[in-house]
Amino acid sequence: MLKLHDFCNRATRRLERASAMLAAGDGRTITDIAFAVGFNDSAFFTRCFRRRYGASPSQWRQGSHPS
């Protein structure tokens, strides 16, 4: 059984990978990145990303995010 702490760590690592992919600007869509890091729903990915980083994935990609 997956413990809550482990679940949160996995989610954090997935969001960290996604933030790096968004910053890389390789032309992938946000949905492609969400699926690539293990999210099955791009809207849920966007909500999680905004909670973690204080900016939407598109804002992050454009460099408009809090430091």
N, C-alpha and C. Protein backbone atom coordinates (compact mmCIF):
# COMPACT_ATOMS: atom_id res chain seq x y z
N MET A 1 0.83 -1.18 0.00
CA MET A 1 0.00 0.00 0.00
C MET A 1 0.88 1.25 0.00
N LEU A 2 0.53 2.20 -0.81
CA LEU A 2 1.29 3.44 -0.95
C LEU A 2 0.94 4.39 0.19
N LYS A 3 1.95 4.84 0.90
CA LYS A 3 1.73 5.77 2.01
C LYS A 3 1.57 7.18 1.45
N LEU A 4 0.87 8.02 2.19
CA LEU A 4 0.61 9.39 1.75
C LEU A 4 1.92 10.14 1.48
N HIS A 5 2.90 9.97 2.33
CA HIS A 5 4.19 10.64 2.15
C HIS A 5 4.82 10.23 0.82
N ASP A 6 4.79 8.96 0.50
CA ASP A 6 5.36 8.47 -0.76
C ASP A 6 4.59 9.00 -1.96
N PHE A 7 3.27 9.04 -1.83
CA PHE A 7 2.44 9.57 -2.90
C PHE A 7 2.78 11.03 -3.17
N CYS A 8 2.91 11.82 -2.11
CA CYS A 8 3.23 13.24 -2.27
C CYS A 8 4.62 13.43 -2.88
N ASN A 9 5.57 12.61 -2.47
CA ASN A 9 6.91 12.70 -3.05
C ASN A 9 6.90 12.39 -4.54
N ARG A 10 6.15 11.38 -4.93
CA ARG A 10 6.05 11.04 -6.35
C ARG A 10 5.41 12.16 -7.14
N ALA A 11 4.35 12.74 -6.59
CA ALA A 11 3.67 13.84 -7.27
C ALA A 11 4.60 15.04 -7.41
N THR A 12 5.37 15.32 -6.37
CA THR A 12 6.32 16.44 -6.42
C THR A 12 7.37 16.20 -7.49
N ARG A 13 7.90 14.99 -7.56
CA ARG A 13 8.91 14.68 -8.57
C ARG A 13 8.33 14.80 -9.98
N ARG A 14 7.09 14.37 -10.17
CA ARG A 14 6.47 14.49 -11.49
C ARG A 14 6.29 15.96 -11.87
N LEU A 15 5.89 16.78 -10.91
CA LEU A 15 5.72 18.21 -11.20
C LEU A 15 7.07 18.88 -11.46
N GLU A 16 8.11 18.46 -10.76
CA GLU A 16 9.45 19.01 -11.01
C GLU A 16 9.92 18.66 -12.42
N ARG A 17 9.67 17.43 -12.85
CA ARG A 17 10.03 17.05 -14.22
C ARG A 17 9.25 17.87 -15.23
N ALA A 18 7.97 18.07 -14.95
CA ALA A 18 7.12 18.85 -15.85
C ALA A 18 7.60 20.29 -15.94
N SER A 19 7.99 20.88 -14.81
CA SER A 19 8.46 22.27 -14.84
C SER A 19 9.73 22.40 -15.68
N ALA A 20 10.61 21.41 -15.59
CA ALA A 20 11.82 21.43 -16.41
C ALA A 20 11.49 21.27 -17.89
N MET A 21 10.54 20.41 -18.20
CA MET A 21 10.15 20.21 -19.59
C MET A 21 9.50 21.47 -20.16
N LEU A 22 8.69 22.14 -19.35
CA LEU A 22 8.07 23.39 -19.81
C LEU A 22 9.12 24.46 -20.06
N ALA A 23 10.10 24.55 -19.18
CA ALA A 23 11.15 25.56 -19.32
C ALA A 23 12.06 25.27 -20.52
N ALA A 24 12.18 23.99 -20.88
CA ALA A 24 13.05 23.61 -21.99
C ALA A 24 12.53 24.12 -23.33
N GLY A 25 11.22 24.31 -23.42
CA GLY A 25 10.64 24.84 -24.65
C GLY A 25 10.88 23.98 -25.87
N ASP A 26 10.66 22.69 -25.74
CA ASP A 26 10.91 21.77 -26.86
C ASP A 26 9.73 21.63 -27.81
N GLY A 27 8.69 22.46 -27.62
CA GLY A 27 7.57 22.44 -28.54
C GLY A 27 6.43 21.51 -28.16
N ARG A 28 6.58 20.77 -27.08
CA ARG A 28 5.50 19.88 -26.64
C ARG A 28 4.34 20.70 -26.10
N THR A 29 3.14 20.15 -26.26
CA THR A 29 1.99 20.81 -25.67
C THR A 29 1.97 20.52 -24.17
N ILE A 30 1.22 21.32 -23.45
CA ILE A 30 1.09 21.11 -22.01
C ILE A 30 0.44 19.76 -21.74
N THR A 31 -0.52 19.38 -22.55
CA THR A 31 -1.16 18.08 -22.39
C THR A 31 -0.15 16.95 -22.61
N ASP A 32 0.70 17.07 -23.62
CA ASP A 32 1.73 16.05 -23.87
C ASP A 32 2.66 15.93 -22.66
N ILE A 33 3.04 17.05 -22.09
CA ILE A 33 3.93 17.04 -20.92
C ILE A 33 3.22 16.41 -19.73
N ALA A 34 1.96 16.79 -19.52
CA ALA A 34 1.19 16.20 -18.41
C ALA A 34 1.15 14.68 -18.53
N PHE A 35 0.85 14.19 -19.73
CA PHE A 35 0.80 12.74 -19.93
C PHE A 35 2.19 12.11 -19.79
N ALA A 36 3.22 12.80 -20.26
CA ALA A 36 4.58 12.25 -20.20
C ALA A 36 5.06 12.06 -18.77
N VAL A 37 4.61 12.91 -17.85
CA VAL A 37 5.06 12.77 -16.46
C VAL A 37 4.09 11.97 -15.60
N GLY A 38 3.03 11.43 -16.23
CA GLY A 38 2.18 10.49 -15.52
C GLY A 38 0.80 10.97 -15.12
N PHE A 39 0.39 12.14 -15.55
CA PHE A 39 -0.98 12.59 -15.27
C PHE A 39 -1.88 12.10 -16.40
N ASN A 40 -3.10 11.73 -16.05
CA ASN A 40 -4.06 11.24 -17.04
C ASN A 40 -5.07 12.30 -17.44
N ASP A 41 -5.02 13.45 -16.77
CA ASP A 41 -6.00 14.51 -16.99
C ASP A 41 -5.25 15.84 -16.98
N SER A 42 -5.26 16.55 -18.09
CA SER A 42 -4.48 17.79 -18.17
C SER A 42 -5.05 18.89 -17.27
N ALA A 43 -6.36 18.88 -17.03
CA ALA A 43 -6.95 19.89 -16.13
C ALA A 43 -6.49 19.65 -14.69
N PHE A 44 -6.44 18.39 -14.29
CA PHE A 44 -5.93 18.06 -12.95
C PHE A 44 -4.46 18.42 -12.84
N PHE A 45 -3.69 18.12 -13.87
CA PHE A 45 -2.28 18.49 -13.91
C PHE A 45 -2.12 20.00 -13.71
N THR A 46 -2.92 20.79 -14.42
CA THR A 46 -2.83 22.25 -14.32
C THR A 46 -3.15 22.72 -12.91
N ARG A 47 -4.18 22.14 -12.28
CA ARG A 47 -4.51 22.52 -10.90
C ARG A 47 -3.37 22.19 -9.94
N CYS A 48 -2.82 20.99 -10.07
CA CYS A 48 -1.70 20.59 -9.21
C CYS A 48 -0.48 21.48 -9.43
N PHE A 49 -0.20 21.77 -10.69
CA PHE A 49 0.96 22.59 -11.03
C PHE A 49 0.81 23.99 -10.42
N ARG A 50 -0.38 24.58 -10.56
CA ARG A 50 -0.62 25.92 -10.04
C ARG A 50 -0.50 25.94 -8.52
N ARG A 51 -0.99 24.91 -7.85
CA ARG A 51 -0.87 24.83 -6.39
C ARG A 51 0.58 24.74 -5.96
N ARG A 52 1.37 23.98 -6.70
CA ARG A 52 2.78 23.76 -6.33
C ARG A 52 3.65 24.97 -6.64
N TYR A 53 3.44 25.60 -7.81
CA TYR A 53 4.34 26.65 -8.28
C TYR A 53 3.75 28.05 -8.28
N GLY A 54 2.46 28.19 -8.03
CA GLY A 54 1.86 29.52 -8.00
C GLY A 54 1.69 30.14 -9.37
N ALA A 55 1.78 29.35 -10.40
CA ALA A 55 1.61 29.80 -11.78
C ALA A 55 1.08 28.64 -12.60
N SER A 56 0.36 28.96 -13.65
CA SER A 56 -0.13 27.91 -14.53
C SER A 56 1.04 27.38 -15.37
N PRO A 57 0.89 26.20 -15.94
CA PRO A 57 1.95 25.68 -16.82
C PRO A 57 2.28 26.63 -17.97
N SER A 58 1.28 27.28 -18.55
CA SER A 58 1.56 28.21 -19.66
C SER A 58 2.31 29.44 -19.17
N GLN A 59 1.98 29.93 -17.98
CA GLN A 59 2.73 31.06 -17.42
C GLN A 59 4.18 30.65 -17.14
N TRP A 60 4.35 29.45 -16.62
CA TRP A 60 5.69 28.94 -16.31
C TRP A 60 6.52 28.86 -17.59
N ARG A 61 5.90 28.36 -18.64
CA ARG A 61 6.58 28.22 -19.93
C ARG A 61 7.04 29.59 -20.43
N GLN A 62 6.23 30.62 -20.23
CA GLN A 62 6.55 31.96 -20.71
C GLN A 62 7.53 32.69 -19.80
N GLY A 63 7.84 32.08 -18.67
CA GLY A 63 8.77 32.70 -17.73
C GLY A 63 8.10 33.67 -16.79
N SER A 64 6.78 33.70 -16.77
CA SER A 64 6.02 34.59 -15.88
C SER A 64 5.62 33.84 -14.63
N HIS A 65 6.60 33.56 -13.79
CA HIS A 65 6.29 32.82 -12.57
C HIS A 65 7.03 33.43 -11.41
N PRO A 66 6.50 33.23 -10.19
CA PRO A 66 7.16 33.76 -8.99
C PRO A 66 8.54 33.14 -8.82
N SER A 67 9.45 33.88 -8.29
CA SER A 67 10.82 33.37 -8.06
C SER A 67 10.89 32.54 -6.82
